[in-house]
Protein backbone atom coordinates (compact mmCIF):
# COMPACT_ATOMS: atom_id res chain seq x y z
CA MET A 1 212.03 28.34 268.39
CA LYS A 2 214.09 25.22 267.89
CA VAL A 3 217.79 25.52 267.04
CA SER A 4 217.29 23.38 263.91
CA GLN A 5 214.61 25.78 262.65
CA TYR A 6 216.79 28.83 263.36
CA ILE A 7 219.72 27.29 261.47
CA LYS A 8 217.45 26.28 258.59
CA GLU A 9 216.43 29.94 258.25
CA GLY A 10 220.13 30.77 257.91
CA LEU A 11 222.98 31.91 260.11
CA LYS A 12 223.46 35.58 259.26
CA ASN A 13 226.62 36.28 261.24
CA LYS A 14 228.84 33.18 260.94
CA VAL A 15 232.27 33.58 259.38
CA GLU A 16 235.13 31.16 258.78
CA GLU A 17 237.92 33.71 259.31
CA LYS A 18 238.23 37.10 260.99
CA PRO A 19 236.43 39.50 258.65
CA GLU A 20 238.44 42.39 257.27
CA GLY A 21 237.82 45.68 259.04
CA TYR A 22 236.50 44.00 262.21
CA THR A 23 238.12 43.86 265.64
CA LEU A 24 238.04 40.94 268.04
CA LEU A 25 235.54 41.68 270.80
CA GLY A 26 236.47 38.51 272.68
CA LYS A 27 236.84 34.77 272.58
CA ASN A 28 236.18 31.81 274.83
CA LYS A 29 236.98 28.11 274.77
CA GLU A 30 235.31 25.52 276.94
CA GLY A 31 236.09 21.86 276.31
CA VAL A 32 235.65 21.22 272.58
CA HIS A 33 233.59 24.39 272.09
CA PHE A 34 235.06 27.73 271.09
CA VAL A 35 233.67 31.03 269.92
CA GLU A 36 235.25 34.28 268.76
CA CYS A 37 233.18 37.44 268.36
CA TYR A 38 234.18 40.23 266.00
CA ILE A 39 232.67 43.68 265.74
CA LYS A 40 232.74 46.65 263.47
CA GLU A 41 232.19 49.92 265.30
CA GLU A 42 231.62 53.54 264.49
CA ASP A 43 231.56 56.35 267.07
CA GLY A 44 231.44 53.83 269.92
CA LYS A 45 228.43 51.98 268.49
CA ILE A 46 228.56 48.41 267.19
CA THR A 47 227.45 48.57 263.57
CA ASP A 48 227.96 44.88 262.82
CA ALA A 49 228.94 41.69 264.64
CA LYS A 50 230.17 38.33 263.35
CA TYR A 51 231.32 35.15 265.03
CA LYS A 52 233.47 32.12 264.35
CA SER A 53 232.80 28.96 266.34
CA SER A 54 233.26 25.24 266.52
CA LYS A 55 231.13 23.69 263.81
CA ARG A 56 230.03 20.58 265.70
CA CYS A 57 227.56 22.32 268.00
CA LYS A 58 224.45 23.66 266.33
CA LYS A 59 223.24 25.08 269.66
CA LEU A 60 226.41 27.15 270.02
CA MET A 61 226.18 28.43 266.44
CA ALA A 62 222.53 29.46 266.84
CA VAL A 63 223.16 31.17 270.20
CA ALA A 64 226.23 33.03 268.88
CA ASP A 65 224.28 34.13 265.80
CA ILE A 66 221.39 35.62 267.75
CA ILE A 67 223.72 37.26 270.28
CA CYS A 68 225.57 38.91 267.36
CA GLU A 69 222.21 40.26 266.17
CA LYS A 70 221.57 41.71 269.64
CA LEU A 71 225.03 43.34 269.74
CA LYS A 72 224.25 45.48 266.71
CA GLY A 73 223.47 49.06 267.68
CA GLN A 74 224.80 48.72 271.23
CA ASN A 75 227.44 50.94 272.80
CA VAL A 76 230.76 49.07 272.68
CA ASN A 77 231.55 50.08 276.29
CA ASN A 78 228.13 49.14 277.66
CA ILE A 79 227.14 45.81 276.12
CA SER A 80 224.01 44.27 277.58
CA ILE A 81 222.70 40.84 276.61
CA ASN A 82 219.79 39.34 278.53
CA LYS A 83 220.56 35.64 279.04
CA GLN A 84 216.92 34.80 279.86
CA GLU A 85 215.77 36.48 276.64
CA ILE A 86 218.05 34.21 274.60
CA LEU A 87 216.92 31.10 276.50
CA GLU A 88 213.29 32.16 276.06
CA PHE A 89 213.82 32.57 272.30
CA PHE A 90 214.97 28.94 272.12
CA LYS A 91 212.46 27.66 274.69
CA GLU A 92 211.37 24.79 272.42
CA GLU A 93 214.79 23.14 272.86
CA LYS A 94 214.62 20.16 275.21
CA GLU A 95 218.18 20.24 276.60
CA LYS A 96 217.84 23.39 278.74
CA ASP A 97 221.15 22.80 280.55
CA LYS A 98 223.07 22.59 277.27
CA MET A 99 221.37 25.72 275.95
CA GLU A 100 222.26 27.61 279.13
CA ASN A 101 225.87 26.40 278.85
CA ARG A 102 226.14 27.56 275.22
CA VAL A 103 224.75 30.99 276.12
CA ASP A 104 227.30 31.23 278.94
CA ILE A 105 230.15 30.33 276.54
CA VAL A 106 229.21 33.18 274.20
CA LEU A 107 228.56 35.67 277.00
CA LYS A 108 232.01 34.97 278.47
CA ALA A 109 233.49 35.71 275.05
CA ILE A 110 231.89 39.14 274.81
CA LYS A 111 232.30 40.33 278.42
């Protein structure tokens, strides 16, 4: 899928501010890009995940959005995100190095 198509379908997990009732899972800043991931948990399981990020980078927003989707249902102490799975999902994107960098930015925020 292309990032533009994913964004056109709608970012489900993007927020402008920390959502009420959520805790900060982690944050990362690299150059002009930043991302903060927030989770809501119950009994050690992530029930919901949201993110706030720099608005200039559509690749970062799309990657953060899909990673938030993949966080849902995971054990908060044993988070596992497959980097290759994310890259494969966006395999139609031409700038592979930029996509890999954006995935790394988000993964550093949640580890």
